[in-house]
C-alpha cells in the first residue's frame, strides 16, 4: 500500500528535530565545559572557557521557549535515575562510585518537585523572569555537579521555580480598584 501525503515534509521534519537535538546537546556540553574550566575543575584556558560559558548561557536564554517544554520530562528521568541509585547505592552509570542512598532519595524528591514546578513553563509565553529562573536552575544544576553539593543546588533550583510561579501568579492577577 502506498502512503499518501507529504513524505518529504516528514523526512525534513525528522532531520530538523534531530539537528536541533544535536545542537542542544552541543550547547549543553559547551556550558558544562565552560563552567568546569572557568571554575578550575578541569584544566584548560580560562578565557575561551568564559566565552563558551557566556555564549552557551546566551543561547540557552534565547531558546528557552523551546527547551523548557522538554524540561519536565528530563527531570522525571533524573528522578527515576536517582531512585535507581538509591536502590543500588551507587551511580547509575558507574557501579564503582558509591552514592549515599539518603542523598539519592532526596535528589529524587527534589527532581520530582522540579519537574512538577517546571511544567508551568510548558504552555505559556516565557517572560524575562521565567527565562532567568530557567537559566538559574541550569546554573544551580551545573554548580551542584561541580561542587558535589547536589541537594543544596537542587533545593535552590526548586526555590527559583517557586519564585517564578509566585511571580507569574501575581503578575497575571487583575488589580481591583
N, C-alpha and C. Protein backbone atom coordinates (compact mmCIF):
# COMPACT_ATOMS: atom_id res chain seq x y z
N UNK A 1 0.84 -1.16 0.00
CA UNK A 1 0.00 0.00 0.00
C UNK A 1 0.89 1.23 0.00
N UNK A 2 0.60 2.13 -0.82
CA UNK A 2 1.38 3.34 -0.95
C UNK A 2 0.82 4.42 -0.02
N UNK A 3 1.76 5.09 0.71
CA UNK A 3 1.34 6.16 1.62
C UNK A 3 1.07 7.41 0.82
N UNK A 4 -0.04 8.00 1.13
CA UNK A 4 -0.35 9.29 0.52
C UNK A 4 0.07 10.39 1.49
N UNK A 5 0.52 11.47 0.96
CA UNK A 5 0.87 12.59 1.82
C UNK A 5 2.28 13.07 1.56
N UNK A 6 2.61 14.09 2.23
CA UNK A 6 3.89 14.75 2.01
C UNK A 6 5.03 14.05 2.77
N UNK A 7 5.53 12.94 2.24
CA UNK A 7 6.60 12.20 2.91
C UNK A 7 7.86 13.05 3.05
N UNK A 8 8.05 13.95 2.10
CA UNK A 8 9.23 14.80 2.16
C UNK A 8 9.19 15.71 3.40
N UNK A 9 8.00 16.18 3.75
CA UNK A 9 7.86 17.02 4.95
C UNK A 9 8.20 16.23 6.21
N UNK A 10 7.83 14.95 6.23
CA UNK A 10 8.14 14.11 7.40
C UNK A 10 9.64 13.90 7.53
N UNK A 11 10.30 13.65 6.42
CA UNK A 11 11.75 13.44 6.44
C UNK A 11 12.46 14.72 6.88
N UNK A 12 12.08 15.83 6.30
CA UNK A 12 12.69 17.11 6.64
C UNK A 12 12.41 17.45 8.11
N UNK A 13 11.19 17.20 8.56
CA UNK A 13 10.85 17.46 9.95
C UNK A 13 11.66 16.60 10.91
N UNK A 14 11.83 15.34 10.57
CA UNK A 14 12.65 14.45 11.40
C UNK A 14 14.10 14.87 11.45
N UNK A 15 14.63 15.27 10.30
CA UNK A 15 16.01 15.74 10.26
C UNK A 15 16.17 17.04 11.05
N UNK A 16 15.16 17.88 10.98
CA UNK A 16 15.21 19.15 11.72
C UNK A 16 15.22 18.89 13.22
N UNK A 17 14.37 18.00 13.68
CA UNK A 17 14.32 17.67 15.10
C UNK A 17 15.64 17.06 15.55
N UNK A 18 16.20 16.18 14.74
CA UNK A 18 17.48 15.56 15.06
C UNK A 18 18.58 16.61 15.15
N UNK A 19 18.60 17.53 14.20
CA UNK A 19 19.59 18.60 14.21
C UNK A 19 19.46 19.49 15.43
N UNK A 20 18.22 19.80 15.80
CA UNK A 20 18.00 20.64 16.98
C UNK A 20 18.44 19.92 18.26
N UNK A 21 18.20 18.62 18.32
CA UNK A 21 18.63 17.85 19.50
C UNK A 21 20.16 17.82 19.59
N UNK A 22 20.81 17.61 18.48
CA UNK A 22 22.28 17.60 18.47
C UNK A 22 22.81 18.98 18.87
N UNK A 23 22.21 20.03 18.33
CA UNK A 23 22.63 21.39 18.70
C UNK A 23 22.42 21.64 20.19
N UNK A 24 21.31 21.15 20.73
CA UNK A 24 21.06 21.30 22.16
C UNK A 24 22.10 20.60 23.01
N UNK A 25 22.46 19.38 22.62
CA UNK A 25 23.50 18.66 23.35
C UNK A 25 24.84 19.38 23.25
N UNK A 26 25.14 19.93 22.09
CA UNK A 26 26.39 20.68 21.93
C UNK A 26 26.42 21.93 22.81
N UNK A 27 25.31 22.65 22.87
CA UNK A 27 25.25 23.84 23.72
C UNK A 27 25.38 23.45 25.19
N UNK A 28 24.72 22.37 25.60
CA UNK A 28 24.82 21.93 26.99
C UNK A 28 26.25 21.48 27.29
N UNK A 29 26.88 20.78 26.36
CA UNK A 29 28.27 20.39 26.54
C UNK A 29 29.19 21.60 26.64
N UNK A 30 28.92 22.61 25.81
CA UNK A 30 29.68 23.85 25.86
C UNK A 30 29.51 24.52 27.23
N UNK A 31 28.29 24.52 27.74
CA UNK A 31 28.01 25.09 29.05
C UNK A 31 28.79 24.34 30.14
N UNK A 32 28.73 23.01 30.11
CA UNK A 32 29.43 22.22 31.13
C UNK A 32 30.94 22.41 31.05
N UNK A 33 31.48 22.35 29.83
CA UNK A 33 32.92 22.53 29.67
C UNK A 33 33.34 23.92 30.11
N UNK A 34 32.61 24.93 29.67
CA UNK A 34 32.95 26.30 30.05
C UNK A 34 32.93 26.50 31.54
N UNK A 35 31.91 25.97 32.21
CA UNK A 35 31.81 26.12 33.67
C UNK A 35 32.92 25.34 34.37
N UNK A 36 33.20 24.13 33.92
CA UNK A 36 34.23 23.30 34.58
C UNK A 36 35.61 23.93 34.46
N UNK A 37 35.93 24.47 33.29
CA UNK A 37 37.26 25.08 33.11
C UNK A 37 37.30 26.46 33.78
N UNK A 38 36.24 27.25 33.63
CA UNK A 38 36.22 28.59 34.20
C UNK A 38 36.33 28.56 35.73
N UNK A 39 35.76 27.54 36.35
CA UNK A 39 35.80 27.44 37.80
C UNK A 39 36.84 26.43 38.29
N UNK A 40 37.83 26.16 37.45
CA UNK A 40 39.03 25.38 37.79
C UNK A 40 38.77 23.94 38.19
N UNK A 41 37.73 23.34 37.67
CA UNK A 41 37.50 21.92 37.92
C UNK A 41 38.16 21.05 36.84
N UNK A 42 38.43 21.63 35.70
CA UNK A 42 39.16 20.97 34.61
C UNK A 42 40.28 21.88 34.16
N UNK A 43 41.41 21.29 33.72
CA UNK A 43 42.47 22.15 33.21
C UNK A 43 42.10 22.70 31.83
N UNK A 44 42.57 23.88 31.54
CA UNK A 44 42.31 24.48 30.24
C UNK A 44 42.38 25.99 30.32
N UNK A 45 42.35 26.62 29.16
CA UNK A 45 42.44 28.09 29.12
C UNK A 45 41.14 28.74 29.63
N UNK A 46 41.28 29.64 30.57
CA UNK A 46 40.11 30.27 31.19
C UNK A 46 39.38 31.23 30.26
N UNK A 47 40.11 31.95 29.43
CA UNK A 47 39.48 32.93 28.53
C UNK A 47 38.45 32.30 27.61
N UNK A 48 38.85 31.28 26.82
CA UNK A 48 37.86 30.61 25.96
C UNK A 48 36.74 29.93 26.74
N UNK A 49 37.05 29.46 27.95
CA UNK A 49 36.02 28.82 28.77
C UNK A 49 34.94 29.83 29.16
N UNK A 50 35.36 31.03 29.56
CA UNK A 50 34.39 32.06 29.91
C UNK A 50 33.57 32.47 28.69
N UNK A 51 34.22 32.58 27.54
CA UNK A 51 33.49 32.91 26.31
C UNK A 51 32.47 31.82 26.01
N UNK A 52 32.89 30.55 26.12
CA UNK A 52 31.98 29.43 25.88
C UNK A 52 30.80 29.46 26.85
N UNK A 53 31.08 29.76 28.10
CA UNK A 53 30.02 29.81 29.11
C UNK A 53 29.03 30.94 28.82
N UNK A 54 29.54 32.09 28.44
CA UNK A 54 28.66 33.23 28.14
C UNK A 54 27.83 32.96 26.89
N UNK A 55 28.47 32.39 25.86
CA UNK A 55 27.74 32.07 24.62
C UNK A 55 26.66 31.02 24.89
N UNK A 56 27.00 29.97 25.65
CA UNK A 56 26.03 28.92 25.96
C UNK A 56 24.86 29.48 26.77
N UNK A 57 25.14 30.36 27.71
CA UNK A 57 24.06 30.97 28.51
C UNK A 57 23.18 31.85 27.63
N UNK A 58 23.79 32.60 26.73
CA UNK A 58 23.01 33.42 25.80
C UNK A 58 22.10 32.59 24.92
N UNK A 59 22.63 31.50 24.40
CA UNK A 59 21.82 30.60 23.56
C UNK A 59 20.70 29.98 24.40
N UNK A 60 21.02 29.57 25.62
CA UNK A 60 20.01 28.95 26.49
C UNK A 60 18.87 29.92 26.79
N UNK A 61 19.19 31.17 27.08
CA UNK A 61 18.14 32.16 27.36
C UNK A 61 17.31 32.42 26.11
N UNK A 62 17.98 32.54 24.98
CA UNK A 62 17.28 32.84 23.72
C UNK A 62 16.35 31.71 23.29
N UNK A 63 16.74 30.47 23.54
CA UNK A 63 15.95 29.31 23.08
C UNK A 63 15.13 28.67 24.20
N UNK A 64 15.01 29.34 25.34
CA UNK A 64 14.33 28.75 26.49
C UNK A 64 12.89 28.35 26.19
N UNK A 65 12.22 29.09 25.32
CA UNK A 65 10.82 28.77 25.00
C UNK A 65 10.70 27.35 24.45
N UNK A 66 11.73 26.89 23.75
CA UNK A 66 11.70 25.54 23.17
C UNK A 66 12.12 24.47 24.16
N UNK A 67 13.28 24.65 24.80
CA UNK A 67 13.77 23.57 25.65
C UNK A 67 13.04 23.48 26.99
N UNK A 68 12.36 24.53 27.39
CA UNK A 68 11.62 24.47 28.65
C UNK A 68 10.48 23.45 28.57
N UNK A 69 10.00 23.18 27.36
CA UNK A 69 8.92 22.20 27.20
C UNK A 69 9.40 20.78 27.46
N UNK A 70 10.68 20.52 27.24
CA UNK A 70 11.23 19.19 27.48
C UNK A 70 11.71 19.00 28.91
N UNK A 71 11.86 20.08 29.64
CA UNK A 71 12.44 20.01 30.98
C UNK A 71 11.66 19.12 31.96
N UNK A 72 10.33 19.19 32.03
CA UNK A 72 9.64 18.31 32.98
C UNK A 72 9.92 16.83 32.73
N UNK A 73 9.95 16.42 31.48
CA UNK A 73 10.24 15.02 31.17
C UNK A 73 11.66 14.64 31.52
N UNK A 74 12.60 15.51 31.25
CA UNK A 74 14.00 15.23 31.60
C UNK A 74 14.18 15.14 33.11
N UNK A 75 13.47 15.98 33.84
CA UNK A 75 13.57 15.94 35.30
C UNK A 75 12.91 14.69 35.88
N UNK A 76 11.86 14.19 35.24
CA UNK A 76 11.27 12.92 35.68
C UNK A 76 12.27 11.78 35.47
N UNK A 77 12.99 11.81 34.34
CA UNK A 77 14.03 10.80 34.11
C UNK A 77 15.14 10.91 35.17
N UNK A 78 15.50 12.13 35.53
CA UNK A 78 16.51 12.31 36.58
C UNK A 78 16.01 11.77 37.91
N UNK A 79 14.73 11.96 38.21
CA UNK A 79 14.16 11.41 39.44
C UNK A 79 14.21 9.89 39.42
N UNK A 80 13.87 9.31 38.28
CA UNK A 80 13.93 7.84 38.15
C UNK A 80 15.37 7.35 38.33
N UNK A 81 16.34 8.03 37.71
CA UNK A 81 17.74 7.64 37.87
C UNK A 81 18.17 7.73 39.33
N UNK A 82 17.69 8.75 40.03
CA UNK A 82 18.02 8.89 41.45
C UNK A 82 17.43 7.74 42.27
N UNK A 83 16.22 7.32 41.91
CA UNK A 83 15.62 6.18 42.61
C UNK A 83 16.40 4.90 42.36
N UNK A 84 16.88 4.72 41.14
CA UNK A 84 17.72 3.55 40.83
C UNK A 84 19.01 3.62 41.64
N UNK A 85 19.61 4.81 41.73
CA UNK A 85 20.83 4.97 42.53
C UNK A 85 20.56 4.71 44.01
N UNK A 86 19.39 5.10 44.48
CA UNK A 86 19.03 4.83 45.87
C UNK A 86 18.89 3.34 46.12
N UNK A 87 18.37 2.64 45.13
CA UNK A 87 18.21 1.19 45.27
C UNK A 87 19.52 0.44 45.20
N UNK A 88 20.44 0.90 44.36
CA UNK A 88 21.70 0.18 44.18
C UNK A 88 22.81 0.69 45.09
N UNK A 89 22.72 1.95 45.51
CA UNK A 89 23.76 2.51 46.37
C UNK A 89 24.98 3.02 45.63
N UNK A 90 24.87 3.12 44.30
CA UNK A 90 25.99 3.67 43.52
C UNK A 90 25.43 4.46 42.34
N UNK A 91 26.32 5.16 41.67
CA UNK A 91 25.90 5.92 40.49
C UNK A 91 25.36 4.98 39.43
N UNK A 92 24.35 5.41 38.71
CA UNK A 92 23.70 4.54 37.74
C UNK A 92 24.62 4.17 36.58
N UNK A 93 25.55 5.07 36.24
CA UNK A 93 26.42 4.80 35.11
C UNK A 93 27.83 4.38 35.52
N UNK A 94 28.09 4.25 36.82
CA UNK A 94 29.41 3.86 37.29
C UNK A 94 29.26 3.08 38.59
N UNK A 95 29.19 1.76 38.53
CA UNK A 95 28.96 0.96 39.73
C UNK A 95 30.09 1.04 40.76
N UNK A 96 31.27 1.53 40.37
CA UNK A 96 32.39 1.62 41.31
C UNK A 96 32.32 2.85 42.20
N UNK A 97 31.45 3.79 41.87
CA UNK A 97 31.34 5.02 42.66
C UNK A 97 30.11 4.92 43.57
N UNK A 98 30.33 4.81 44.88
CA UNK A 98 29.18 4.73 45.78
C UNK A 98 28.43 6.07 45.83
N UNK A 99 27.14 5.96 46.03
CA UNK A 99 26.29 7.15 46.11
C UNK A 99 25.36 6.94 47.31
N UNK A 100 25.44 7.81 48.31
CA UNK A 100 24.62 7.61 49.52
C UNK A 100 23.12 7.53 49.18
N UNK A 101 22.49 6.56 49.76
CA UNK A 101 21.06 6.34 49.47
C UNK A 101 20.20 7.51 49.91
N UNK A 102 20.55 8.15 51.03
CA UNK A 102 19.77 9.29 51.51
C UNK A 102 19.85 10.45 50.52
N UNK A 103 21.04 10.68 49.99
CA UNK A 103 21.22 11.75 49.01
C UNK A 103 20.44 11.43 47.74
N UNK A 104 20.48 10.17 47.33
CA UNK A 104 19.75 9.77 46.12
C UNK A 104 18.24 9.93 46.30
N UNK A 105 17.72 9.55 47.47
CA UNK A 105 16.28 9.72 47.71
C UNK A 105 15.90 11.20 47.78
N UNK A 106 16.73 12.01 48.43
CA UNK A 106 16.48 13.45 48.47
C UNK A 106 16.52 14.05 47.08
N UNK A 107 17.48 13.62 46.27
CA UNK A 107 17.57 14.12 44.89
C UNK A 107 16.33 13.71 44.09
N UNK A 108 15.85 12.48 44.30
CA UNK A 108 14.66 12.03 43.58
C UNK A 108 13.46 12.91 43.92
N UNK A 109 13.28 13.22 45.20
CA UNK A 109 12.16 14.08 45.61
C UNK A 109 12.30 15.49 45.04
N UNK A 110 13.52 16.03 45.06
CA UNK A 110 13.73 17.38 44.53
C UNK A 110 13.60 17.42 43.01
N UNK A 111 14.06 16.38 42.32
CA UNK A 111 13.86 16.31 40.87
C UNK A 111 12.37 16.22 40.54
N UNK A 112 11.63 15.44 41.33
CA UNK A 112 10.19 15.33 41.10
C UNK A 112 9.50 16.67 41.34
N UNK A 113 9.86 17.36 42.41
CA UNK A 113 9.29 18.69 42.67
C UNK A 113 9.66 19.66 41.56
N UNK A 114 10.90 19.60 41.09
CA UNK A 114 11.34 20.46 39.99
C UNK A 114 10.56 20.17 38.73
N UNK A 115 10.29 18.91 38.48
CA UNK A 115 9.52 18.54 37.29
C UNK A 115 8.11 19.10 37.34
N UNK A 116 7.47 18.95 38.50
CA UNK A 116 6.11 19.48 38.66
C UNK A 116 6.11 21.00 38.49
N UNK A 117 7.07 21.66 39.11
CA UNK A 117 7.12 23.12 39.03
C UNK A 117 7.52 23.62 37.64
N UNK A 118 8.37 22.86 36.94
CA UNK A 118 8.79 23.30 35.61
C UNK A 118 7.71 23.11 34.56
N UNK A 119 6.69 22.33 34.89
CA UNK A 119 5.58 22.16 33.95
C UNK A 119 4.83 23.48 33.73
N UNK A 120 4.99 24.43 34.64
CA UNK A 120 4.34 25.73 34.49
C UNK A 120 4.83 26.47 33.26
N UNK A 121 6.03 26.16 32.78
CA UNK A 121 6.60 26.86 31.65
C UNK A 121 6.14 26.28 30.31
N UNK A 122 5.43 25.17 30.36
CA UNK A 122 5.10 24.45 29.13
C UNK A 122 4.15 25.21 28.21
N UNK A 123 3.09 25.75 28.75
CA UNK A 123 2.03 26.28 27.90
C UNK A 123 1.86 27.80 27.98
N UNK A 124 2.92 28.49 28.34
CA UNK A 124 2.80 29.94 28.37
C UNK A 124 4.03 30.58 27.73
N UNK A 125 3.84 31.79 27.31
CA UNK A 125 4.94 32.55 26.73
C UNK A 125 5.86 32.98 27.87
N UNK A 126 7.13 32.66 27.75
CA UNK A 126 8.08 32.93 28.81
C UNK A 126 8.45 34.41 28.86
N UNK A 127 8.40 34.96 30.04
CA UNK A 127 8.83 36.33 30.25
C UNK A 127 10.29 36.35 30.71
N UNK A 128 10.77 37.52 31.02
CA UNK A 128 12.16 37.68 31.45
C UNK A 128 12.42 36.93 32.75
N UNK A 129 11.50 37.03 33.70
CA UNK A 129 11.67 36.35 34.98
C UNK A 129 11.70 34.83 34.78
N UNK A 130 10.85 34.32 33.89
CA UNK A 130 10.83 32.89 33.61
C UNK A 130 12.16 32.43 33.01
N UNK A 131 12.68 33.18 32.07
CA UNK A 131 13.95 32.83 31.43
C UNK A 131 15.10 32.89 32.43
N UNK A 132 15.07 33.88 33.30
CA UNK A 132 16.11 33.97 34.33
C UNK A 132 16.00 32.78 35.28
N UNK A 133 14.78 32.40 35.64
CA UNK A 133 14.58 31.25 36.53
C UNK A 133 15.08 29.97 35.89
N UNK A 134 14.80 29.78 34.61
CA UNK A 134 15.28 28.58 33.93
C UNK A 134 16.81 28.56 33.85
N UNK A 135 17.41 29.69 33.51
CA UNK A 135 18.87 29.75 33.46
C UNK A 135 19.47 29.55 34.85
N UNK A 136 18.85 30.13 35.87
CA UNK A 136 19.34 29.93 37.23
C UNK A 136 19.25 28.46 37.63
N UNK A 137 18.17 27.78 37.23
CA UNK A 137 18.04 26.36 37.55
C UNK A 137 19.17 25.56 36.90
N UNK A 138 19.42 25.83 35.64
CA UNK A 138 20.51 25.14 34.95
C UNK A 138 21.84 25.47 35.63
N UNK A 139 22.00 26.73 36.02
CA UNK A 139 23.22 27.13 36.73
C UNK A 139 23.38 26.40 38.05
N UNK A 140 22.31 26.25 38.79
CA UNK A 140 22.38 25.50 40.04
C UNK A 140 22.70 24.03 39.80
N UNK A 141 22.16 23.48 38.73
CA UNK A 141 22.47 22.08 38.39
C UNK A 141 23.96 21.93 38.09
N UNK A 142 24.50 22.84 37.30
CA UNK A 142 25.93 22.79 36.96
C UNK A 142 26.76 22.99 38.23
N UNK A 143 26.36 23.94 39.08
CA UNK A 143 27.06 24.17 40.33
C UNK A 143 27.04 22.92 41.21
N UNK A 144 25.90 22.25 41.28
CA UNK A 144 25.81 21.02 42.05
C UNK A 144 26.72 19.94 41.51
N UNK A 145 26.84 19.87 40.19
CA UNK A 145 27.72 18.89 39.57
C UNK A 145 29.18 19.21 39.86
N UNK A 146 29.54 20.48 39.80
CA UNK A 146 30.93 20.88 40.02
C UNK A 146 31.33 20.82 41.48
N UNK A 147 30.42 21.15 42.39
CA UNK A 147 30.77 21.26 43.80
C UNK A 147 30.42 20.03 44.62
N UNK A 148 29.71 19.12 44.05
CA UNK A 148 29.25 17.92 44.76
C UNK A 148 28.23 18.25 45.86
N UNK A 149 27.59 19.40 45.76
CA UNK A 149 26.53 19.79 46.70
C UNK A 149 25.18 19.64 46.01
N UNK A 150 24.86 18.42 45.65
CA UNK A 150 23.68 18.15 44.83
C UNK A 150 22.39 18.60 45.51
N UNK A 151 22.18 18.21 46.75
CA UNK A 151 20.90 18.55 47.40
C UNK A 151 20.75 20.04 47.62
N UNK A 152 21.83 20.73 47.94
CA UNK A 152 21.76 22.18 48.10
C UNK A 152 21.39 22.85 46.79
N UNK A 153 22.06 22.43 45.71
CA UNK A 153 21.79 23.06 44.42
C UNK A 153 20.38 22.75 43.93
N UNK A 154 19.91 21.53 44.14
CA UNK A 154 18.54 21.18 43.73
C UNK A 154 17.50 21.94 44.56
N UNK A 155 17.78 22.12 45.84
CA UNK A 155 16.86 22.89 46.68
C UNK A 155 16.78 24.34 46.20
N UNK A 156 17.91 24.93 45.88
CA UNK A 156 17.91 26.29 45.35
C UNK A 156 17.17 26.36 44.01
N UNK A 157 17.31 25.32 43.20
CA UNK A 157 16.59 25.27 41.93
C UNK A 157 15.08 25.22 42.14
N UNK A 158 14.63 24.44 43.12
CA UNK A 158 13.20 24.39 43.43
C UNK A 158 12.72 25.75 43.92
N UNK A 159 13.53 26.41 44.74
CA UNK A 159 13.16 27.75 45.23
C UNK A 159 13.01 28.72 44.07
N UNK A 160 13.92 28.66 43.10
CA UNK A 160 13.84 29.55 41.93
C UNK A 160 12.55 29.29 41.15
N UNK A 161 12.19 28.03 40.98
CA UNK A 161 10.94 27.71 40.26
C UNK A 161 9.72 28.17 41.05
N UNK A 162 9.75 28.06 42.37
CA UNK A 162 8.64 28.55 43.19
C UNK A 162 8.52 30.06 43.05
N UNK A 163 9.65 30.76 43.07
CA UNK A 163 9.62 32.22 42.91
C UNK A 163 9.07 32.61 41.53
N UNK A 164 9.43 31.87 40.49
CA UNK A 164 8.88 32.16 39.15
C UNK A 164 7.38 31.92 39.13
N UNK A 165 6.93 30.86 39.81
CA UNK A 165 5.50 30.57 39.87
C UNK A 165 4.75 31.69 40.60
N UNK A 166 5.31 32.12 41.74
CA UNK A 166 4.69 33.21 42.51
C UNK A 166 4.65 34.48 41.67
N UNK A 167 5.73 34.79 41.00
CA UNK A 167 5.77 35.98 40.14
C UNK A 167 4.69 35.91 39.06
N UNK A 168 4.52 34.74 38.46
CA UNK A 168 3.51 34.60 37.41
C UNK A 168 2.10 34.75 37.98
N UNK A 169 1.87 34.20 39.16
CA UNK A 169 0.54 34.29 39.78
C UNK A 169 0.18 35.74 40.10
N UNK A 170 1.12 36.51 40.64
CA UNK A 170 0.83 37.89 40.99
C UNK A 170 0.81 38.80 39.78
N UNK A 171 1.58 38.47 38.76
CA UNK A 171 1.63 39.30 37.57
C UNK A 171 0.35 39.22 36.76
N UNK A 172 -0.28 38.07 36.72
CA UNK A 172 -1.48 37.93 35.89
C UNK A 172 -2.77 38.22 36.65
N UNK A 173 -2.67 38.43 37.96
CA UNK A 173 -3.85 38.73 38.77
C UNK A 173 -4.32 40.15 38.45
N UNK A 174 -5.58 40.32 38.11
CA UNK A 174 -6.07 41.66 37.81
C UNK A 174 -6.10 42.53 39.07
N UNK A 175 -5.81 43.79 38.90
CA UNK A 175 -5.87 44.69 40.05
C UNK A 175 -7.29 45.20 40.24
N UNK A 176 -7.70 45.32 41.48
CA UNK A 176 -9.03 45.82 41.78
C UNK A 176 -8.91 47.25 42.24
N UNK A 177 -9.86 48.07 41.83
CA UNK A 177 -9.81 49.48 42.20
C UNK A 177 -10.99 49.86 43.05
